[in-house]
Amino acid sequence: MRKYYLAYNGKRVDVPLSREEAILLLFTTRGKVKGLSIQIYQNGRMIKQIPKKPR
């Protein structure tokens, strides 16, 4: 099962969100809050970060 977490500057905030909440939050704050992202975890491991980590 996938879990969605809010992250700020690459650090996870320990409040799991539903998929719908995560998408809504990401798109309503897009470009307004620098460093805000959504991290997706499956089986305790991060599988994706939206937007992607800068290189």
C-alpha atoms as a PDB file:
ATOM      1  CA  MET A   1       0.000   0.000   0.000  1.00  0.00           C
ATOM      2  CA  ARG A   2       1.295   3.435  -0.883  1.00  0.00           C
ATOM      3  CA  LYS A   3       1.441   6.285   1.598  1.00  0.00           C
ATOM      4  CA  TYR A   4       1.684   9.938   0.648  1.00  0.00           C
ATOM      5  CA  TYR A   5       3.571  12.433   2.805  1.00  0.00           C
ATOM      6  CA  LEU A   6       4.125  16.147   2.625  1.00  0.00           C
ATOM      7  CA  ALA A   7       7.810  17.107   2.488  1.00  0.00           C
ATOM      8  CA  TYR A   8       9.535  20.449   2.887  1.00  0.00           C
ATOM      9  CA  ASN A   9      13.085  20.887   1.564  1.00  0.00           C
ATOM     10  CA  GLY A  10      13.373  17.109   1.166  1.00  0.00           C
ATOM     11  CA  LYS A  11      12.427  16.297   4.772  1.00  0.00           C
ATOM     12  CA  ARG A  12       9.257  14.332   5.417  1.00  0.00           C
ATOM     13  CA  VAL A  13       6.524  15.693   7.645  1.00  0.00           C
ATOM     14  CA  ASP A  14       5.024  12.778   9.601  1.00  0.00           C
ATOM     15  CA  VAL A  15       1.417  13.319   8.545  1.00  0.00           C
ATOM     16  CA  PRO A  16       0.203  10.758   5.980  1.00  0.00           C
ATOM     17  CA  LEU A  17      -2.244  12.106   3.401  1.00  0.00           C
ATOM     18  CA  SER A  18      -4.714  10.451   1.092  1.00  0.00           C
ATOM     19  CA  ARG A  19      -3.831  10.434  -2.607  1.00  0.00           C
ATOM     20  CA  GLU A  20      -6.524  13.024  -3.353  1.00  0.00           C
ATOM     21  CA  GLU A  21      -5.347  15.343  -0.556  1.00  0.00           C
ATOM     22  CA  ALA A  22      -1.742  15.090  -1.722  1.00  0.00           C
ATOM     23  CA  ILE A  23      -2.587  15.939  -5.337  1.00  0.00           C
ATOM     24  CA  LEU A  24      -4.878  18.815  -4.345  1.00  0.00           C
ATOM     25  CA  LEU A  25      -2.298  20.288  -1.970  1.00  0.00           C
ATOM     26  CA  LEU A  26       0.515  20.007  -4.498  1.00  0.00           C
ATOM     27  CA  PHE A  27      -1.371  21.702  -7.326  1.00  0.00           C
ATOM     28  CA  THR A  28      -2.974  24.479  -5.242  1.00  0.00           C
ATOM     29  CA  THR A  29       0.401  25.530  -3.822  1.00  0.00           C
ATOM     30  CA  ARG A  30       2.395  24.891  -7.005  1.00  0.00           C
ATOM     31  CA  GLY A  31       5.063  27.561  -7.432  1.00  0.00           C
ATOM     32  CA  LYS A  32       3.950  29.535  -4.379  1.00  0.00           C
ATOM     33  CA  VAL A  33       5.822  27.586  -1.699  1.00  0.00           C
ATOM     34  CA  LYS A  34       9.449  26.824  -2.529  1.00  0.00           C
ATOM     35  CA  GLY A  35      10.716  23.447  -1.343  1.00  0.00           C
ATOM     36  CA  LEU A  36       7.274  21.839  -0.976  1.00  0.00           C
ATOM     37  CA  SER A  37       6.867  18.331  -2.370  1.00  0.00           C
ATOM     38  CA  ILE A  38       4.975  15.074  -1.973  1.00  0.00           C
ATOM     39  CA  GLN A  39       6.876  11.873  -1.195  1.00  0.00           C
ATOM     40  CA  ILE A  40       5.324   8.510  -2.030  1.00  0.00           C
ATOM     41  CA  TYR A  41       6.298   5.522   0.120  1.00  0.00           C
ATOM     42  CA  GLN A  42       5.623   1.837  -0.448  1.00  0.00           C
ATOM     43  CA  ASN A  43       6.584  -0.780   2.147  1.00  0.00           C
ATOM     44  CA  GLY A  44       8.502   1.843   4.150  1.00  0.00           C
ATOM     45  CA  ARG A  45      10.730   2.945   1.234  1.00  0.00           C
ATOM     46  CA  MET A  46      10.426   6.139  -0.756  1.00  0.00           C
ATOM     47  CA  ILE A  47       9.645   5.284  -4.368  1.00  0.00           C
ATOM     48  CA  LYS A  48       8.984   8.756  -5.782  1.00  0.00           C
ATOM     49  CA  GLN A  49       9.117  12.447  -4.962  1.00  0.00           C
ATOM     50  CA  ILE A  50       6.977  14.968  -6.836  1.00  0.00           C
ATOM     51  CA  PRO A  51       8.432  17.306  -8.030  1.00  0.00           C
ATOM     52  CA  LYS A  52      11.703  15.435  -8.520  1.00  0.00           C
ATOM     53  CA  LYS A  53      14.729  16.092  -6.336  1.00  0.00           C
ATOM     54  CA  PRO A  54      17.070  18.679  -7.860  1.00  0.00           C
ATOM     55  CA  ARG A  55      20.393  17.315  -9.056  1.00  0.00           C
END
